[in-house]
Structure formats: structure tokens, C-alpha cells
Amino acid sequence: MTNPTPLHSPPPTRYVALDVHKHYLVVGAVDAQPQVVLPPRRVDLERFAAWAPQHLTRQDAVVLEATTNTWELYDQLPPHVAAVTVAHPWLVGLISKARVKTDAADTLHLARLLAAGLLPAVGVPPVAGRELRGLLAQRPRRIRQRTQARNRLHRLLHRHALLPPAGDPFAAHNRAWWDALTVSPVERLRLRQDWQTLVFLQPLIDAAEAEVLRLSTPPPWADSVAFLVQLPGFGVLNAMTVLGAVGDITRFPSAKHLVGYTGLGAGVHDSGQTHRDGKITKQGRRDLRFTLVEAAWTAVQTHPHWQAQFEQLTRRMPKGQAIVALARKLAVALWHVLTDRQADCHADASQVARKLLAWAEQLDAAGRHGLSTGAFIRQELDRLHLGPALTAVSRGPTRQVPLPPSPLPVTA
């Protein structure tokens, strides 16, 4: 994605490439011919902020590949240059395979691809999107560590043919039971370390989830979360995962483009007399793909329409393939609800209200912007144009949360 330039602006006079490394970058430039006009030179990253305004001009187009520290550099460039492109590193590698590979050669390859208009660009997420992505990436890593510690403790029980305590074996009140196990000194040390790992990780996971919930109600995410939560299989956490990965839905001109971004589209071999559909490409955001597959499994267990779709698909394909197909359909539904700003055509107002109740009860008064639980649910239902006739939401078999009246007309 490039930095916007004024309409009718003259073409750049230089095409500048930044080959970014951990502690330095190599910068080089060509003109439109393309002849080298700035021989490759090394600049330490700590000096780049001072170097850029002295050596870059508003007649420069700049390219750098997406890597760990790309966004910090990207944010420094727009005030000094005409346009900035962040290139897709894997696709650039396919285009510019070379037998001679040096920092200087790579830099000039990148600059010449930019001058020729051949660079595959990636979208540049805003700062809020980058921070949300980082937060959401941290949480599954902690959960995997917790799962590994729990699995090690389960294996200890399996080795000694022991049954775990009733309920959650890792609940705090069961710690004494684990400490009383008769095991060797080495196993006891490992047991205690795994328990300490669980005790250490749980507050970190809880804090990350609380921060994601806090971010779900202020801008820029507040206007979109409800449209995803109302989809089957979605809660606030995976809705925020999708929003962090997708960003502005207008980046995708069609649902097909979004499916491609998820990596859930089927690979195709079409050559000569051969046409064969392959496995999914997996060339997209892994967190988005995983979230959609997870949501699809939940949807087939909780929603009649998606359950019927699943049963129909499993008559002609394995369950795993059927779930992937439904995840792809969910991606299409996701594109439509975010683009059209309307509820899903299969949404059930009562079921959506219960999901909104779960969201509201996880927020404090500040997260609900001072609204009561019922008023918050009504606000989000009205945003979706759902349930104007609903007067209450069931919290359990005997308790209900009353909803204020909706200003929307009640249709028959």
C-alpha cells in the first residue's frame, strides 16, 4: 500500500529502496530508466530518523519489504517523500530470484521493481490495528504454554495410573491434592514447576483478555464489533481478532478478495487439458484463518442453518473439508455484514441478544460508557436493526434483563 500523493502530481524522479536488517538498512535508488542514481550505502537504524530528512525528497518514491521493524520506519517516511510502498517479501522473492545475493544487489533489485511497477504491495495497518494485532498474538502464545504445562501434569497422572480430582483438576483448591502425590523427588520438582507456570500464566492471559474487551467499545472498533458478534460462532475475542487482521473492510472490493486474504481459497491447477482444484492456499493471515475455522465448528453446534449446511456437505466430503468450506462461507458473510452494515440474514434476534448480554456483563460501567446492561444491549441491537420488539433477555431459567424500548419500528 502506498502513501497517498496529490492528484496530477509529477512522477517520482527517484525510486528508493530500503533493504532493512536488524540493526541497519541499505539504501539505494534508480531513476525511471532505470539507472543507478544513488549507489547502495549502509545506514544504521539509530541514525535513520536524522538521515531521512537530509537525503530524501518529495520527488522520491520509497519501497521497503515487510519485516519486524517495517512499521516504525514506515511511520517516519511519509513527511519526507512522495509515496511509500511496503512490499510483500515472499512475492518479491519469487519475482527477483538472483544467483548473486548481496545487500547492495537486493536493494537495487527492489528499486528497479518499484520503478517498473512490478511490486506486490501489502496493506499498511493503522497504529491501532498494529497494537491490537500484537496484543492478540501474545494471548495464544500464553495459552499454548498453559496447555503444555497442563499436558505434562496429565502425563504424570497417566504414568502413575492416577485419576485426577473431580471438576477442574487445575483449580486452585486442588493444589493440595497435587502436592500430596507420592512421586519421586525429580517428578515432584517438575510437578511444582508446572504448577508455578500455570499460576504465573493465568493472570497474564486474563489481563490480555481484559484489555481486548476494553478495546472493543471505544473507536475505532466500537462500530464494527456487534456486526461480527451477531454471526454464529463469534464472541468478542474472535471478533476483535478478525477486526485486527482485516482492518478497514473497504480494502477488499469483494468477498472473494477477503477469502483470498484468509488463505481459505482453493488452489487451482489449470493447464492444457488439466483442471484440478487443490488444497486451500494458506497464503494469508494464519490468525484469521484459524479464527474462522474455530468459529465454523462452533456455528455447526449452535445454529440450525449452519448445522444443516454442515450435514449437507459431510454427505460428499470429510468433516475437516466441510468445516473449511463453512469457514470460507463465514468469511463471505463477514465481508457482507461489515460492508453493508447490516445483520446477517440468518441472525436470530433473541440469540444475538444473549451474546450481547455476555459481552455487556464482561464490561464494567466505563466499558459500557455509563449505560446499564440492558441499555447497552439495546444500543447494539439497534445498531444491527435487530429485535425492536424484544423487551428482555434471558440470563438464566428464572432471571431476565429488561431492555428499554427501541426507537426502531416493529415489523410484523
Protein backbone atom coordinates (compact mmCIF):
# COMPACT_ATOMS: atom_id res chain seq x y z
CA MET A 1 0.00 0.00 0.00
CA THR A 2 1.39 3.38 -0.90
CA ASN A 3 1.21 6.71 0.80
CA PRO A 4 -1.40 8.89 -0.99
CA THR A 5 0.00 11.54 -3.35
CA PRO A 6 -1.73 14.67 -4.62
CA LEU A 7 -3.77 14.37 -7.80
CA HIS A 8 -1.86 15.19 -11.02
CA SER A 9 1.47 15.10 -9.13
CA PRO A 10 4.55 14.61 -11.34
CA PRO A 11 6.08 11.13 -11.46
CA PRO A 12 8.89 10.48 -8.96
CA THR A 13 12.40 11.33 -10.07
CA ARG A 14 13.96 8.63 -7.89
CA TYR A 15 12.83 5.16 -6.85
CA VAL A 16 14.42 4.47 -3.48
CA ALA A 17 14.68 1.03 -1.89
CA LEU A 18 15.40 0.29 1.75
CA ASP A 19 16.74 -3.21 2.46
CA VAL A 20 16.06 -3.39 6.19
CA HIS A 21 18.06 -5.53 8.61
CA LYS A 22 18.10 -5.87 12.38
CA HIS A 23 20.47 -3.01 13.16
CA TYR A 24 20.95 -1.26 9.83
CA LEU A 25 19.44 -0.76 6.40
CA VAL A 26 20.93 -0.47 2.93
CA VAL A 27 19.51 2.34 0.79
CA GLY A 28 19.87 2.71 -2.96
CA ALA A 29 17.94 4.39 -5.76
CA VAL A 30 17.36 4.31 -9.52
CA ASP A 31 15.63 6.68 -11.91
CA ALA A 32 12.86 5.77 -14.37
CA GLN A 33 15.32 4.35 -16.99
CA PRO A 34 16.31 2.66 -14.52
CA GLN A 35 19.87 3.84 -13.94
CA VAL A 36 21.52 3.91 -10.52
CA VAL A 37 21.34 7.44 -9.12
CA LEU A 38 22.13 6.57 -5.51
CA PRO A 39 24.65 3.75 -5.09
CA PRO A 40 23.77 1.40 -2.21
CA ARG A 41 25.00 2.62 1.14
CA ARG A 42 24.56 1.40 4.70
CA VAL A 43 22.72 3.49 7.32
CA ASP A 44 22.44 2.44 10.96
CA LEU A 45 18.84 2.32 12.11
CA GLU A 46 19.55 4.57 15.08
CA ARG A 47 20.69 7.28 12.62
CA PHE A 48 17.86 6.85 10.11
CA ALA A 49 15.48 9.41 11.68
CA ALA A 50 18.14 12.10 11.21
CA TRP A 51 19.34 10.77 7.84
CA ALA A 52 15.91 10.65 6.11
CA PRO A 53 15.04 14.40 6.02
CA GLN A 54 18.55 15.25 4.81
CA HIS A 55 18.71 12.77 1.91
CA LEU A 56 15.10 12.02 0.87
CA THR A 57 12.89 14.46 -1.06
CA ARG A 58 9.27 14.93 -2.02
CA GLN A 59 10.19 13.64 -5.52
CA ASP A 60 11.13 10.20 -4.15
CA ALA A 61 9.06 7.02 -4.16
CA VAL A 62 10.28 4.65 -1.45
CA VAL A 63 9.87 0.90 -1.02
CA LEU A 64 10.74 -1.41 1.87
CA GLU A 65 9.84 -5.02 2.49
CA ALA A 66 7.51 -6.05 5.29
CA THR A 67 9.56 -7.27 8.25
CA THR A 68 9.70 -6.93 12.03
CA ASN A 69 10.58 -3.23 12.20
CA THR A 70 8.89 -2.09 8.97
CA TRP A 71 6.11 -0.08 10.55
CA GLU A 72 8.42 2.04 12.72
CA LEU A 73 10.34 3.04 9.59
CA TYR A 74 7.17 3.47 7.56
CA ASP A 75 5.77 5.99 10.04
CA GLN A 76 8.88 8.16 9.65
CA LEU A 77 8.82 8.32 5.83
CA PRO A 78 5.55 9.99 4.60
CA PRO A 79 6.51 13.56 5.64
CA HIS A 80 9.69 13.39 3.51
CA VAL A 81 8.73 11.52 0.32
CA ALA A 82 6.06 11.36 -2.37
CA ALA A 83 4.94 7.76 -1.78
CA VAL A 84 5.81 4.75 0.36
CA THR A 85 5.23 1.14 -0.69
CA VAL A 86 5.52 -1.83 1.69
CA ALA A 87 6.32 -4.85 -0.46
CA HIS A 88 5.27 -8.44 0.14
CA PRO A 89 8.60 -10.21 0.89
CA TRP A 90 7.59 -13.69 -0.30
CA LEU A 91 6.22 -12.47 -3.63
CA VAL A 92 9.20 -10.16 -4.15
CA GLY A 93 11.43 -13.20 -3.66
CA LEU A 94 9.56 -15.08 -6.39
CA ILE A 95 9.91 -12.18 -8.82
CA SER A 96 13.57 -11.37 -8.22
CA LYS A 97 15.39 -14.67 -7.79
CA ALA A 98 19.09 -13.99 -8.32
CA ARG A 99 22.22 -16.11 -8.27
CA VAL A 100 24.17 -13.21 -6.77
CA LYS A 101 22.66 -12.15 -3.46
CA THR A 102 24.17 -9.26 -1.54
CA ASP A 103 22.67 -6.36 0.37
CA ALA A 104 23.61 -3.96 -2.43
CA ALA A 105 22.19 -6.22 -5.17
CA ASP A 106 18.96 -6.84 -3.23
CA THR A 107 18.49 -3.09 -2.73
CA LEU A 108 18.87 -2.28 -6.42
CA HIS A 109 16.59 -5.20 -7.40
CA LEU A 110 13.92 -3.75 -5.13
CA ALA A 111 14.36 -0.23 -6.51
CA ARG A 112 14.10 -1.46 -10.13
CA LEU A 113 10.95 -3.44 -9.37
CA LEU A 114 9.42 -0.30 -7.89
CA ALA A 115 10.37 1.77 -10.95
CA ALA A 116 8.83 -0.89 -13.23
CA GLY A 117 5.59 -1.01 -11.23
CA LEU A 118 6.02 -4.73 -10.51
CA LEU A 119 5.98 -4.71 -6.72
CA PRO A 120 3.26 -6.68 -4.90
CA ALA A 121 2.30 -4.38 -2.03
CA VAL A 122 0.79 -5.22 1.35
CA GLY A 123 -1.75 -3.19 3.26
CA VAL A 124 -0.42 -0.88 5.93
CA PRO A 125 -2.47 -1.23 9.13
CA PRO A 126 -3.04 1.88 11.25
CA VAL A 127 -1.29 2.14 14.60
CA ALA A 128 -4.38 0.95 16.49
CA GLY A 129 -4.57 -2.13 14.27
CA ARG A 130 -0.90 -2.96 14.78
CA GLU A 131 -1.23 -2.70 18.55
CA LEU A 132 -4.34 -4.88 18.56
CA ARG A 133 -2.61 -7.49 16.42
CA GLY A 134 0.35 -7.56 18.80
CA LEU A 135 -1.90 -7.96 21.82
CA LEU A 136 -3.93 -10.72 20.20
CA ALA A 137 -0.78 -12.54 19.07
CA GLN A 138 0.53 -12.58 22.65
CA ARG A 139 -2.57 -14.28 24.08
CA PRO A 140 -2.44 -17.58 22.11
CA ARG A 141 1.25 -17.95 22.89
CA ARG A 142 0.45 -17.80 26.62
CA ILE A 143 -2.45 -20.23 26.14
CA ARG A 144 -0.17 -22.70 24.34
CA GLN A 145 2.31 -22.50 27.22
CA ARG A 146 -0.51 -23.15 29.69
CA THR A 147 -1.76 -26.10 27.64
CA GLN A 148 1.74 -27.59 27.51
CA ALA A 149 2.08 -27.37 31.31
CA ARG A 150 -1.33 -28.98 31.80
CA ASN A 151 -0.47 -31.78 29.37
CA ARG A 152 2.74 -32.52 31.27
CA LEU A 153 0.74 -32.81 34.50
CA HIS A 154 -1.79 -35.10 32.83
CA ARG A 155 1.07 -37.31 31.61
CA LEU A 156 2.36 -37.57 35.18
CA LEU A 157 -1.02 -38.91 36.27
CA HIS A 158 -1.12 -41.30 33.32
CA ARG A 159 2.33 -42.71 34.18
CA HIS A 160 1.19 -43.49 37.71
CA ALA A 161 -2.34 -44.66 36.75
CA LEU A 162 -3.90 -41.91 38.87
CA LEU A 163 -7.32 -40.34 38.35
CA PRO A 164 -7.42 -36.51 38.55
CA PRO A 165 -9.62 -34.83 41.14
CA ALA A 166 -13.24 -34.11 40.19
CA GLY A 167 -14.03 -30.96 38.25
CA ASP A 168 -11.18 -28.81 37.02
CA PRO A 169 -8.03 -30.64 38.12
CA PHE A 170 -6.04 -27.40 37.90
CA ALA A 171 -8.37 -25.29 40.04
CA ALA A 172 -6.60 -23.58 42.95
CA HIS A 173 -8.43 -25.66 45.57
CA ASN A 174 -6.91 -28.85 44.07
CA ARG A 175 -3.32 -27.71 44.57
CA ALA A 176 -3.06 -29.56 47.89
CA TRP A 177 -4.13 -32.81 46.17
CA TRP A 178 -1.28 -32.49 43.67
CA ASP A 179 1.24 -31.64 46.41
CA ALA A 180 0.25 -34.80 48.31
CA LEU A 181 1.02 -37.15 45.40
CA THR A 182 3.63 -39.82 46.12
CA VAL A 183 6.18 -39.35 43.35
CA SER A 184 9.96 -39.26 43.08
CA PRO A 185 11.85 -36.09 44.09
CA VAL A 186 12.61 -35.31 40.43
CA GLU A 187 8.97 -35.67 39.39
CA ARG A 188 7.89 -33.57 42.37
CA LEU A 189 10.23 -30.79 41.20
CA ARG A 190 8.77 -30.95 37.70
CA LEU A 191 5.24 -31.02 39.11
CA ARG A 192 5.85 -27.89 41.18
CA GLN A 193 7.43 -26.05 38.28
CA ASP A 194 4.49 -26.85 36.02
CA TRP A 195 2.08 -25.62 38.69
CA GLN A 196 4.13 -22.45 39.08
CA THR A 197 3.90 -21.99 35.30
CA LEU A 198 0.11 -22.24 35.49
CA VAL A 199 -0.07 -19.79 38.39
CA PHE A 200 2.19 -17.35 36.53
CA LEU A 201 0.44 -17.56 33.14
CA GLN A 202 -3.21 -17.27 34.17
CA PRO A 203 -3.06 -13.59 35.27
CA LEU A 204 -1.24 -12.73 32.04
CA ILE A 205 -3.97 -14.38 29.96
CA ASP A 206 -6.70 -12.71 32.00
CA ALA A 207 -5.04 -9.29 31.64
CA ALA A 208 -4.73 -9.69 27.85
CA GLU A 209 -8.39 -10.70 27.54
CA ALA A 210 -9.48 -7.80 29.74
CA GLU A 211 -7.55 -5.35 27.54
CA VAL A 212 -9.11 -6.78 24.37
CA LEU A 213 -12.55 -6.35 25.95
CA ARG A 214 -11.72 -2.78 26.93
CA LEU A 215 -10.70 -2.01 23.35
CA SER A 216 -13.95 -3.45 21.97
CA THR A 217 -16.13 -0.44 22.85
CA PRO A 218 -14.16 2.75 22.03
CA PRO A 219 -13.22 3.79 18.46
CA PRO A 220 -12.06 2.52 16.05
CA TRP A 221 -13.60 -0.89 16.78
CA ALA A 222 -16.86 0.01 18.53
CA ASP A 223 -18.90 0.45 15.35
CA SER A 224 -17.99 -2.98 13.98
CA VAL A 225 -17.81 -5.45 16.88
CA ALA A 226 -21.56 -6.04 17.10
CA PHE A 227 -21.75 -6.92 13.37
CA LEU A 228 -19.30 -9.77 13.99
CA VAL A 229 -20.60 -10.86 17.39
CA GLN A 230 -24.03 -11.45 15.85
CA LEU A 231 -22.54 -14.04 13.47
CA PRO A 232 -22.74 -17.65 14.72
CA GLY A 233 -19.54 -18.88 16.32
CA PHE A 234 -18.27 -15.40 17.15
CA GLY A 235 -17.67 -13.82 20.52
CA VAL A 236 -15.89 -10.58 21.36
CA LEU A 237 -12.37 -12.06 21.41
CA ASN A 238 -12.51 -13.66 17.97
CA ALA A 239 -14.45 -10.66 16.61
CA MET A 240 -11.57 -8.43 17.68
CA THR A 241 -9.09 -10.91 16.17
CA VAL A 242 -10.88 -10.57 12.83
CA LEU A 243 -11.03 -6.77 13.04
CA GLY A 244 -7.34 -6.56 13.91
CA ALA A 245 -6.43 -8.77 10.96
CA VAL A 246 -8.83 -7.25 8.42
CA GLY A 247 -8.72 -3.60 9.43
CA ASP A 248 -10.75 -1.43 7.07
CA ILE A 249 -13.10 -3.75 5.15
CA THR A 250 -13.13 -1.34 2.18
CA ARG A 251 -9.60 -2.62 1.40
CA PHE A 252 -11.37 -5.67 -0.05
CA PRO A 253 -13.50 -4.82 -3.11
CA SER A 254 -15.32 -8.16 -2.92
CA ALA A 255 -15.86 -11.12 -0.64
CA LYS A 256 -13.61 -13.15 -2.95
CA HIS A 257 -10.70 -10.82 -2.16
CA LEU A 258 -11.27 -11.31 1.58
CA VAL A 259 -11.38 -15.09 1.16
CA GLY A 260 -8.04 -14.89 -0.64
CA TYR A 261 -6.63 -12.84 2.24
CA THR A 262 -7.66 -15.55 4.71
CA GLY A 263 -5.84 -18.26 2.76
CA LEU A 264 -9.06 -20.33 2.69
CA GLY A 265 -9.40 -20.18 -1.10
CA ALA A 266 -8.71 -23.40 -3.02
CA GLY A 267 -5.55 -23.69 -5.07
CA VAL A 268 -6.14 -24.35 -8.78
CA HIS A 269 -4.08 -26.15 -11.41
CA ASP A 270 -5.42 -25.24 -14.87
CA SER A 271 -3.02 -26.06 -17.70
CA GLY A 272 -3.68 -27.65 -21.07
CA GLN A 273 -6.34 -30.31 -20.67
CA THR A 274 -5.88 -30.49 -16.91
CA HIS A 275 -8.08 -28.66 -14.42
CA ARG A 276 -7.74 -29.63 -10.80
CA ASP A 277 -8.82 -27.87 -7.58
CA GLY A 278 -6.23 -28.30 -4.87
CA LYS A 279 -5.97 -27.75 -1.15
CA ILE A 280 -6.51 -24.32 0.35
CA THR A 281 -3.68 -21.91 -0.40
CA LYS A 282 -2.92 -20.94 3.23
CA GLN A 283 -1.38 -17.79 1.73
CA GLY A 284 -2.96 -15.34 4.10
CA ARG A 285 -3.17 -14.40 7.75
CA ARG A 286 -2.96 -17.56 9.83
CA ASP A 287 -4.71 -15.97 12.85
CA LEU A 288 -7.69 -15.00 10.67
CA ARG A 289 -7.90 -18.44 9.09
CA PHE A 290 -7.70 -20.20 12.47
CA THR A 291 -10.39 -17.92 13.93
CA LEU A 292 -12.80 -18.60 11.05
CA VAL A 293 -12.30 -22.36 11.30
CA GLU A 294 -12.83 -22.24 15.06
CA ALA A 295 -15.99 -20.14 14.57
CA ALA A 296 -17.27 -22.60 11.97
CA TRP A 297 -17.00 -25.51 14.43
CA THR A 298 -18.99 -23.52 16.99
CA ALA A 299 -21.57 -22.44 14.39
CA VAL A 300 -22.42 -26.02 13.40
CA GLN A 301 -23.07 -26.84 17.06
CA THR A 302 -25.21 -23.80 17.89
CA HIS A 303 -27.03 -22.58 14.78
CA PRO A 304 -29.62 -24.60 12.77
CA HIS A 305 -28.73 -23.06 9.39
CA TRP A 306 -25.02 -23.82 9.70
CA GLN A 307 -25.72 -27.24 11.16
CA ALA A 308 -27.85 -28.08 8.10
CA GLN A 309 -25.10 -26.78 5.80
CA PHE A 310 -22.56 -28.97 7.59
CA GLU A 311 -24.72 -32.08 7.32
CA GLN A 312 -25.23 -31.46 3.62
CA LEU A 313 -21.50 -31.04 3.00
CA THR A 314 -20.45 -34.10 5.01
CA ARG A 315 -22.50 -36.32 2.69
CA ARG A 316 -19.86 -35.77 0.00
CA MET A 317 -16.64 -34.80 1.84
CA PRO A 318 -14.80 -35.44 5.12
CA LYS A 319 -15.73 -33.34 8.14
CA GLY A 320 -12.47 -31.42 8.08
CA GLN A 321 -13.03 -30.29 4.50
CA ALA A 322 -16.64 -29.42 5.29
CA ILE A 323 -15.56 -27.16 8.15
CA VAL A 324 -13.07 -25.39 5.91
CA ALA A 325 -15.85 -24.84 3.35
CA LEU A 326 -18.06 -23.36 6.07
CA ALA A 327 -15.21 -21.19 7.32
CA ARG A 328 -14.97 -19.84 3.77
CA LYS A 329 -18.72 -19.15 3.79
CA LEU A 330 -18.32 -17.36 7.12
CA ALA A 331 -15.65 -15.16 5.55
CA VAL A 332 -18.14 -14.23 2.82
CA ALA A 333 -20.84 -13.47 5.42
CA LEU A 334 -18.30 -11.44 7.39
CA TRP A 335 -17.50 -9.31 4.33
CA HIS A 336 -21.18 -8.64 3.67
CA VAL A 337 -22.15 -7.65 7.22
CA LEU A 338 -19.17 -5.29 7.57
CA THR A 339 -19.60 -3.81 4.07
CA ASP A 340 -23.38 -3.45 4.12
CA ARG A 341 -23.52 -2.60 7.84
CA GLN A 342 -26.44 -4.93 8.45
CA ALA A 343 -27.22 -8.09 10.38
CA ASP A 344 -26.74 -11.50 8.84
CA CYS A 345 -29.82 -12.77 7.02
CA HIS A 346 -29.87 -15.86 9.29
CA ALA A 347 -29.49 -13.92 12.55
CA ASP A 348 -31.94 -14.71 15.35
CA ALA A 349 -32.60 -11.60 17.46
CA SER A 350 -33.03 -13.49 20.74
CA GLN A 351 -29.84 -15.49 20.26
CA VAL A 352 -27.90 -12.35 19.29
CA ALA A 353 -29.25 -10.54 22.36
CA ARG A 354 -27.91 -13.31 24.60
CA LYS A 355 -24.46 -12.95 23.01
CA LEU A 356 -24.63 -9.20 23.54
CA LEU A 357 -25.58 -9.87 27.17
CA ALA A 358 -22.42 -11.96 27.61
CA TRP A 359 -20.40 -9.10 26.12
CA ALA A 360 -22.06 -6.47 28.32
CA GLU A 361 -21.52 -8.47 31.51
CA GLN A 362 -17.79 -8.73 30.82
CA LEU A 363 -17.54 -4.93 30.65
CA ASP A 364 -17.54 -2.52 33.55
CA ALA A 365 -19.61 0.68 33.56
CA ALA A 366 -16.81 2.59 31.82
CA GLY A 367 -16.65 -0.04 29.08
CA ARG A 368 -20.40 0.36 28.55
CA HIS A 369 -19.95 4.16 28.50
CA GLY A 370 -22.14 4.52 31.57
CA LEU A 371 -25.03 2.52 30.10
CA SER A 372 -26.84 -0.15 32.05
CA THR A 373 -26.52 -3.72 30.78
CA GLY A 374 -29.98 -3.56 29.20
CA ALA A 375 -29.35 -0.17 27.58
CA PHE A 376 -26.04 -1.40 26.15
CA ILE A 377 -27.74 -4.44 24.61
CA ARG A 378 -30.47 -2.25 23.15
CA GLN A 379 -27.89 0.12 21.66
CA GLU A 380 -26.11 -2.73 19.87
CA LEU A 381 -29.37 -4.37 18.73
CA ASP A 382 -30.46 -1.05 17.23
CA ARG A 383 -27.08 -0.75 15.51
CA LEU A 384 -27.85 -4.11 13.90
CA HIS A 385 -31.52 -3.22 13.26
CA LEU A 386 -32.50 -6.36 15.15
CA GLY A 387 -35.10 -7.15 17.78
CA PRO A 388 -37.05 -3.89 18.17
CA ALA A 389 -39.86 -5.94 19.74
CA LEU A 390 -37.62 -7.59 22.36
CA THR A 391 -38.40 -6.43 25.89
CA ALA A 392 -35.98 -8.63 27.86
CA VAL A 393 -33.05 -11.03 27.53
CA SER A 394 -32.91 -14.30 29.46
CA ARG A 395 -29.97 -14.53 31.81
CA GLY A 396 -30.96 -17.97 33.08
CA PRO A 397 -34.03 -20.11 33.66
CA THR A 398 -35.56 -17.61 36.10
CA ARG A 399 -33.78 -14.26 35.56
CA GLN A 400 -34.20 -11.74 32.77
CA VAL A 401 -32.53 -8.45 31.89
CA PRO A 402 -35.15 -5.86 30.85
CA LEU A 403 -34.45 -3.87 27.68
CA PRO A 404 -35.53 -0.26 27.14
CA PRO A 405 -37.90 0.37 24.21
CA SER A 406 -36.35 0.64 20.75
CA PRO A 407 -36.91 3.70 18.55
CA LEU A 408 -36.95 1.38 15.52
CA PRO A 409 -40.33 0.39 14.05
CA VAL A 410 -41.61 -3.04 14.99
CA THR A 411 -42.33 -5.10 11.89
CA ALA A 412 -44.75 -7.96 11.72
